[in-house]
Protein backbone atom coordinates (compact mmCIF):
# COMPACT_ATOMS: atom_id res chain seq x y z
CA MET A 1 44.77 3.44 4.53
CA ARG A 2 44.61 5.45 7.74
CA ALA A 3 41.39 5.70 9.72
CA ALA A 4 40.01 6.88 13.06
CA VAL A 5 38.95 3.61 14.67
CA TYR A 6 37.90 2.26 18.04
CA TYR A 7 37.70 -1.15 19.67
CA GLU A 8 35.16 -0.28 22.34
CA THR A 9 32.48 2.35 22.74
CA GLY A 10 32.85 5.32 25.04
CA GLY A 11 34.03 8.92 25.07
CA PRO A 12 36.13 10.55 22.35
CA ASP A 13 39.31 9.08 23.87
CA VAL A 14 38.41 5.64 22.48
CA PHE A 15 39.61 6.79 19.03
CA ARG A 16 42.85 5.40 17.64
CA TYR A 17 44.44 6.59 14.40
CA GLU A 18 45.62 3.41 12.71
CA GLU A 19 46.42 1.69 9.46
CA VAL A 20 43.56 -0.55 8.29
CA ALA A 21 42.68 -2.39 5.10
CA GLU A 22 41.23 -0.33 2.27
CA PRO A 23 37.66 -1.14 1.21
CA THR A 24 37.33 -3.27 -1.91
CA VAL A 25 34.96 -2.29 -4.66
CA ARG A 26 31.81 -4.41 -4.82
CA SER A 27 29.35 -5.09 -7.60
CA GLY A 28 26.98 -2.14 -7.77
CA GLY A 29 29.24 -0.01 -5.61
CA VAL A 30 32.03 2.54 -5.69
CA VAL A 31 35.08 3.36 -3.59
CA ILE A 32 35.63 7.00 -2.70
CA GLU A 33 38.85 8.73 -1.71
CA VAL A 34 37.47 10.84 1.10
CA GLY A 35 38.07 14.58 0.96
CA ALA A 36 35.80 15.73 3.78
CA VAL A 37 33.72 14.07 6.49
CA SER A 38 30.74 15.88 8.00
CA ILE A 39 30.40 14.51 11.54
CA GLN A 40 26.80 13.64 12.35
CA GLY A 41 25.07 13.57 15.69
CA GLY A 42 24.49 9.87 15.13
CA ASP A 43 28.25 9.39 14.77
CA LEU A 44 28.68 10.62 18.34
CA LEU A 45 25.88 8.40 19.65
CA HIS A 46 27.32 5.32 17.91
CA ARG A 47 30.78 6.05 19.26
CA GLN A 48 29.32 6.42 22.74
CA SER A 49 27.15 3.30 22.87
CA GLY A 50 26.44 1.83 19.44
CA VAL A 51 26.98 -1.67 18.10
CA LEU A 52 30.46 -2.39 16.77
CA ALA A 53 29.69 -3.85 13.36
CA THR A 54 33.41 -4.35 12.75
CA SER A 55 36.55 -4.53 14.87
CA PRO A 56 38.30 -2.18 14.71
CA HIS A 57 35.25 -0.10 13.97
CA ILE A 58 35.12 2.93 11.66
CA VAL A 59 32.17 5.12 12.54
CA GLY A 60 30.53 7.71 10.29
CA TYR A 61 27.45 8.31 8.15
CA GLN A 62 28.55 10.80 5.48
CA ALA A 63 31.57 11.86 3.44
CA ALA A 64 32.43 13.57 0.17
CA GLY A 65 35.31 12.84 -2.13
CA THR A 66 36.42 11.44 -5.48
CA ILE A 67 35.58 8.03 -6.93
CA VAL A 68 38.66 5.83 -7.37
CA ALA A 69 36.97 2.52 -8.27
CA VAL A 70 33.63 1.53 -9.81
CA GLY A 71 32.05 -1.90 -9.45
CA ASP A 72 30.26 -4.04 -12.00
CA GLY A 73 26.83 -2.77 -13.01
CA VAL A 74 27.49 0.88 -12.20
CA THR A 75 26.80 2.96 -15.28
CA ASP A 76 26.01 6.46 -14.00
CA LEU A 77 29.19 7.11 -12.01
CA ALA A 78 32.82 7.09 -13.12
CA VAL A 79 36.34 7.10 -11.75
CA GLY A 80 37.43 10.68 -11.10
CA GLN A 81 33.90 11.92 -10.43
CA ARG A 82 33.28 13.90 -7.24
CA VAL A 83 30.43 12.65 -5.05
CA VAL A 84 28.96 12.94 -1.58
CA ALA A 85 27.79 9.67 -0.07
CA VAL A 86 25.81 8.39 2.89
CA MET A 87 26.64 5.09 4.57
CA GLY A 88 25.90 2.99 7.61
CA ASN A 89 29.45 3.40 8.89
CA GLY A 90 32.94 4.05 7.58
CA SER A 91 33.22 7.78 6.87
CA HIS A 92 36.08 8.43 9.35
CA ALA A 93 38.72 7.07 6.97
CA GLU A 94 40.81 7.93 3.93
CA PHE A 95 38.65 5.71 1.70
CA ALA A 96 35.04 4.51 1.91
CA GLY A 97 33.10 1.91 -0.06
CA VAL A 98 29.40 2.58 -0.68
CA PRO A 99 26.58 1.37 -2.93
CA ALA A 100 26.32 3.56 -6.03
CA GLY A 101 22.76 4.43 -5.07
CA SER A 102 24.05 6.11 -1.91
CA ALA A 103 26.33 8.50 -3.80
CA TYR A 104 25.28 11.86 -5.24
CA ALA A 105 27.18 13.77 -7.93
CA ILE A 106 28.70 17.08 -6.84
CA PRO A 107 28.16 20.02 -9.24
CA ASP A 108 31.31 21.59 -10.67
CA SER A 109 30.54 24.87 -8.87
CA MET A 110 30.42 23.22 -5.44
CA SER A 111 33.35 22.44 -3.16
CA ILE A 112 33.93 19.09 -1.50
CA THR A 113 33.46 20.70 1.91
CA GLN A 114 30.09 22.20 0.95
CA ALA A 115 28.86 18.90 -0.44
CA ALA A 116 29.94 16.99 2.67
CA GLY A 117 27.32 18.87 4.71
CA ILE A 118 24.19 18.39 2.60
CA PRO A 119 22.43 14.98 2.31
CA ILE A 120 21.78 14.05 5.94
CA GLU A 121 21.59 17.56 7.39
CA PHE A 122 19.35 19.13 4.77
CA GLY A 123 17.52 15.91 3.96
CA THR A 124 16.62 15.39 7.61
CA ALA A 125 15.47 19.00 7.98
CA ASP A 126 13.41 18.76 4.81
CA ASP A 127 11.64 15.60 5.98
CA CYS A 128 11.05 17.04 9.46
CA LEU A 129 9.46 20.16 8.00
CA PHE A 130 7.57 18.90 4.99
CA GLU A 131 7.25 15.15 4.46
CA PHE A 132 6.36 14.42 8.09
CA GLY A 133 5.88 17.89 9.60
CA LYS A 134 3.44 19.04 6.88
CA LEU A 135 4.58 22.64 7.19
CA ARG A 136 2.52 25.13 5.19
CA ALA A 137 3.24 28.73 4.32
CA GLY A 138 2.07 31.04 7.07
CA GLU A 139 2.64 28.55 9.91
CA SER A 140 5.00 29.07 12.84
CA VAL A 141 7.98 26.85 13.69
CA LEU A 142 10.21 26.18 16.70
CA ILE A 143 13.58 24.67 15.85
CA GLN A 144 15.43 23.21 18.80
CA ALA A 145 19.26 23.24 18.65
CA GLY A 146 19.16 25.81 15.87
CA ALA A 147 22.95 26.15 15.55
CA GLY A 148 23.44 22.48 14.64
CA GLY A 149 23.52 21.09 11.12
CA VAL A 150 19.86 20.08 11.02
CA GLY A 151 18.82 23.26 12.85
CA LEU A 152 20.57 25.62 10.45
CA ALA A 153 19.16 23.72 7.48
CA ALA A 154 15.65 23.77 8.95
CA ILE A 155 15.75 27.52 9.59
CA GLN A 156 16.71 28.21 5.98
CA LEU A 157 14.18 25.77 4.52
CA ALA A 158 11.35 27.05 6.71
CA ARG A 159 12.10 30.65 5.74
CA ALA A 160 12.17 29.76 2.04
CA ALA A 161 8.83 27.96 2.43
CA GLY A 162 7.10 31.01 3.85
CA ALA A 163 6.91 30.20 7.57
CA SER A 164 5.34 33.14 9.40
CA VAL A 165 7.48 32.98 12.55
CA ILE A 166 10.68 31.00 13.09
CA VAL A 167 11.86 30.57 16.68
CA ALA A 168 15.13 28.76 17.42
CA THR A 169 17.04 27.74 20.52
CA ALA A 170 20.78 27.70 21.20
CA SER A 171 23.13 27.73 24.17
CA SER A 172 24.42 31.29 23.84
CA ASP A 173 23.23 34.74 22.82
CA GLU A 174 26.11 35.01 20.36
CA ARG A 175 25.03 31.90 18.46
CA LEU A 176 21.42 33.07 18.43
CA GLU A 177 22.43 36.42 16.97
CA ARG A 178 24.26 34.66 14.15
CA LEU A 179 21.14 32.62 13.37
CA ARG A 180 19.27 35.76 12.36
CA GLU A 181 21.17 35.99 9.07
CA TYR A 182 19.83 32.55 8.12
CA GLY A 183 16.18 33.42 8.72
CA MET A 184 15.45 33.11 12.45
CA ASP A 185 12.99 35.66 13.83
CA HIS A 186 13.28 35.02 17.58
CA GLY A 187 16.02 33.27 19.55
CA ILE A 188 15.81 31.61 22.95
CA ASN A 189 18.92 30.95 25.02
CA TYR A 190 17.93 27.68 26.70
CA SER A 191 20.66 28.10 29.31
CA LYS A 192 18.93 31.23 30.63
CA ALA A 193 15.21 30.87 29.89
CA ASP A 194 12.44 28.28 29.88
CA VAL A 195 11.84 27.53 26.22
CA ALA A 196 8.11 26.80 26.40
CA SER A 197 7.39 29.91 28.45
CA GLU A 198 9.29 32.06 25.96
CA VAL A 199 7.55 30.49 22.97
CA LEU A 200 4.16 31.17 24.52
CA ARG A 201 5.16 34.75 25.26
CA LEU A 202 6.38 35.30 21.72
CA THR A 203 3.19 33.84 20.21
CA ASP A 204 0.67 35.57 22.49
CA ARG A 205 0.07 32.28 24.34
CA ARG A 206 -0.90 30.43 21.16
CA GLY A 207 2.21 28.27 20.68
CA VAL A 208 3.76 27.14 17.41
CA ASP A 209 2.34 24.93 14.69
CA LEU A 210 5.43 22.73 14.29
CA VAL A 211 8.52 21.87 16.33
CA VAL A 212 11.67 20.24 14.94
CA ASP A 213 13.38 18.50 17.89
CA PRO A 214 16.71 16.67 17.50
CA VAL A 215 17.39 16.57 21.23
CA GLY A 216 14.65 14.51 22.94
CA GLY A 217 14.42 13.95 26.69
CA HIS A 218 13.26 16.90 28.75
CA VAL A 219 13.76 19.15 25.70
CA LEU A 220 11.06 17.16 23.91
CA GLU A 221 8.76 17.80 26.85
CA GLY A 222 9.39 21.53 26.34
CA SER A 223 8.68 21.12 22.63
CA ILE A 224 5.29 19.60 23.42
CA ALA A 225 4.53 22.41 25.87
CA SER A 226 5.39 24.92 23.10
CA LEU A 227 2.79 23.56 20.66
CA ALA A 228 -0.38 25.27 19.57
CA TYR A 229 -3.65 23.34 19.55
CA ARG A 230 -3.34 20.47 17.04
CA GLY A 231 0.34 21.26 16.59
CA ARG A 232 2.96 18.75 15.43
CA VAL A 233 6.41 17.68 16.59
CA SER A 234 9.01 16.11 14.31
CA TRP A 235 11.25 14.25 16.74
CA VAL A 236 14.51 13.42 15.03
CA GLY A 237 17.06 12.40 17.64
CA ARG A 238 18.21 12.21 21.20
CA ALA A 239 21.25 14.43 21.22
CA GLY A 240 20.60 15.04 24.92
CA ARG A 241 21.35 11.34 25.60
CA GLU A 242 18.88 11.16 28.48
CA GLU A 243 17.99 7.64 29.54
CA ARG A 244 14.68 8.64 31.11
CA PRO A 245 11.84 8.41 28.57
CA PRO A 246 10.22 11.78 27.93
CA VAL A 247 6.70 12.39 29.20
CA VAL A 248 4.48 12.82 26.13
CA TRP A 249 0.92 12.54 27.49
CA PRO A 250 0.39 16.36 27.38
CA LEU A 251 0.00 15.91 23.62
CA MET A 252 -3.52 14.67 24.32
CA GLU A 253 -4.58 17.93 25.95
CA LYS A 254 -3.94 19.74 22.66
CA ASN A 255 -4.93 16.98 20.22
CA ALA A 256 -1.36 17.37 19.08
CA SER A 257 0.85 14.78 17.38
CA ILE A 258 4.45 13.61 17.38
CA THR A 259 6.23 11.82 14.54
CA GLY A 260 9.56 10.10 14.84
CA VAL A 261 11.79 10.93 11.87
CA PHE A 262 14.77 8.82 10.76
CA LEU A 263 16.14 9.66 7.33
CA GLY A 264 18.11 6.41 7.17
CA ALA A 265 14.90 4.38 7.24
CA GLU A 266 13.37 6.62 4.60
CA PHE A 267 16.43 6.18 2.36
CA ALA A 268 15.82 2.42 2.48
CA ALA A 269 12.02 2.48 2.21
CA ASN A 270 11.59 5.24 -0.38
CA PRO A 271 14.85 5.58 -2.33
CA VAL A 272 13.28 7.22 -5.37
CA ARG A 273 11.68 10.01 -3.34
CA THR A 274 14.70 10.64 -1.13
CA ARG A 275 17.15 10.67 -4.06
CA LYS A 276 15.06 13.31 -5.82
CA MET A 277 14.86 15.31 -2.59
CA VAL A 278 18.62 15.21 -1.89
CA GLU A 279 19.52 16.01 -5.49
CA GLY A 280 17.18 18.98 -5.33
CA LEU A 281 18.79 20.20 -2.11
CA ILE A 282 22.27 19.88 -3.62
CA SER A 283 21.09 21.97 -6.58
CA ARG A 284 19.65 24.64 -4.28
CA VAL A 285 22.95 24.92 -2.40
CA ALA A 286 24.81 25.14 -5.71
CA ARG A 287 22.51 28.01 -6.80
CA GLY A 288 23.13 29.84 -3.54
CA GLU A 289 19.55 29.49 -2.27
CA LEU A 290 20.75 27.53 0.79
CA GLN A 291 24.05 27.66 2.66
CA VAL A 292 26.17 24.96 4.23
CA VAL A 293 27.66 26.55 7.33
CA ILE A 294 31.09 25.22 8.33
CA ASP A 295 32.16 25.72 11.93
CA SER A 296 35.62 24.17 11.81
CA GLU A 297 37.84 21.56 10.21
CA PHE A 298 40.01 18.97 11.95
CA ALA A 299 42.53 16.51 10.56
CA LEU A 300 41.26 12.93 10.49
CA SER A 301 43.92 12.09 13.06
CA GLU A 302 42.19 14.58 15.37
CA ALA A 303 38.80 12.82 15.34
CA ALA A 304 38.70 12.74 19.14
CA ALA A 305 39.19 16.51 19.35
CA ALA A 306 36.51 17.08 16.71
CA HIS A 307 34.00 14.94 18.61
CA ARG A 308 34.85 16.77 21.84
CA HIS A 309 34.26 20.10 20.15
CA ILE A 310 30.77 19.05 19.03
CA GLU A 311 29.96 17.69 22.49
CA SER A 312 30.98 21.03 24.01
CA ARG A 313 27.91 22.52 22.26
CA GLN A 314 30.01 25.43 21.04
CA ALA A 315 29.99 24.57 17.34
CA PHE A 316 27.97 26.67 14.91
CA GLY A 317 27.26 24.58 11.84
CA ARG A 318 29.15 21.56 10.59
CA VAL A 319 32.38 20.19 12.01
CA LEU A 320 34.47 18.46 9.34
CA LEU A 321 37.29 15.94 9.29
CA ARG A 322 39.85 16.20 6.49
CA PRO A 323 42.02 13.12 5.72
């Protein structure tokens, strides 16, 4: 099979498009012919500086496609069935092998490309808002990096849950304007304005009850400054890639709290809860209650260009690879 691989970490130019061995089906697992890869923020971080579990290494957390082989002991999935799957690595390829428990059936009414953008993006947003963020109807929310996959999912989920005010940040006025159709009330262009100052202005100096922050670094410091008294931060990544640890002591002044959120750990620790959650989110997308927003599609051979596009911070929604 063909795959986007690399032999050393670094910028997008480390990718090579090469022939590699196909995955073999394992007991309790399935092999998927990949139809669409939704590139995750973690994929970029791993390519930049992660551990190479294999050599050559195939990065990637999530892909959707069609099952071509089923291992012993798998009774609820079949060859020919369409699924979306999460994995530790291996999505940037024509085929991927995953445990059956990591694959979710795709409804007949849903496309492969829609399904490719659901489990991690919407599952992460759901956990940030509800499982760990404890969002209640009538509370206010700040969503950093609102035009990303998690951000767009969080805006929609918060609106559906009855959030009173939804503030989001993005790098351009154009992207902020587009976020309004998904439920954002107020947008802040972080390239032009101080986020915390704007949040306080918009909330009559009160601040917001909850912040979803996938960026970290100095952005996390702004998230803390944006909080209301006893507010909460769901910190879910370090897309900003800053090496300096963020300063978090101002939390104490507000009796506020911060929770680190990592869906991968929750998949492992609480598989029953997370499976029910992801299946519910897939159903909501299928019913049209939530939308998977696709920015662009690249050929698998163009993985480097796709990663560069995401790093340019110009994407709005998911960037896909198509084998």
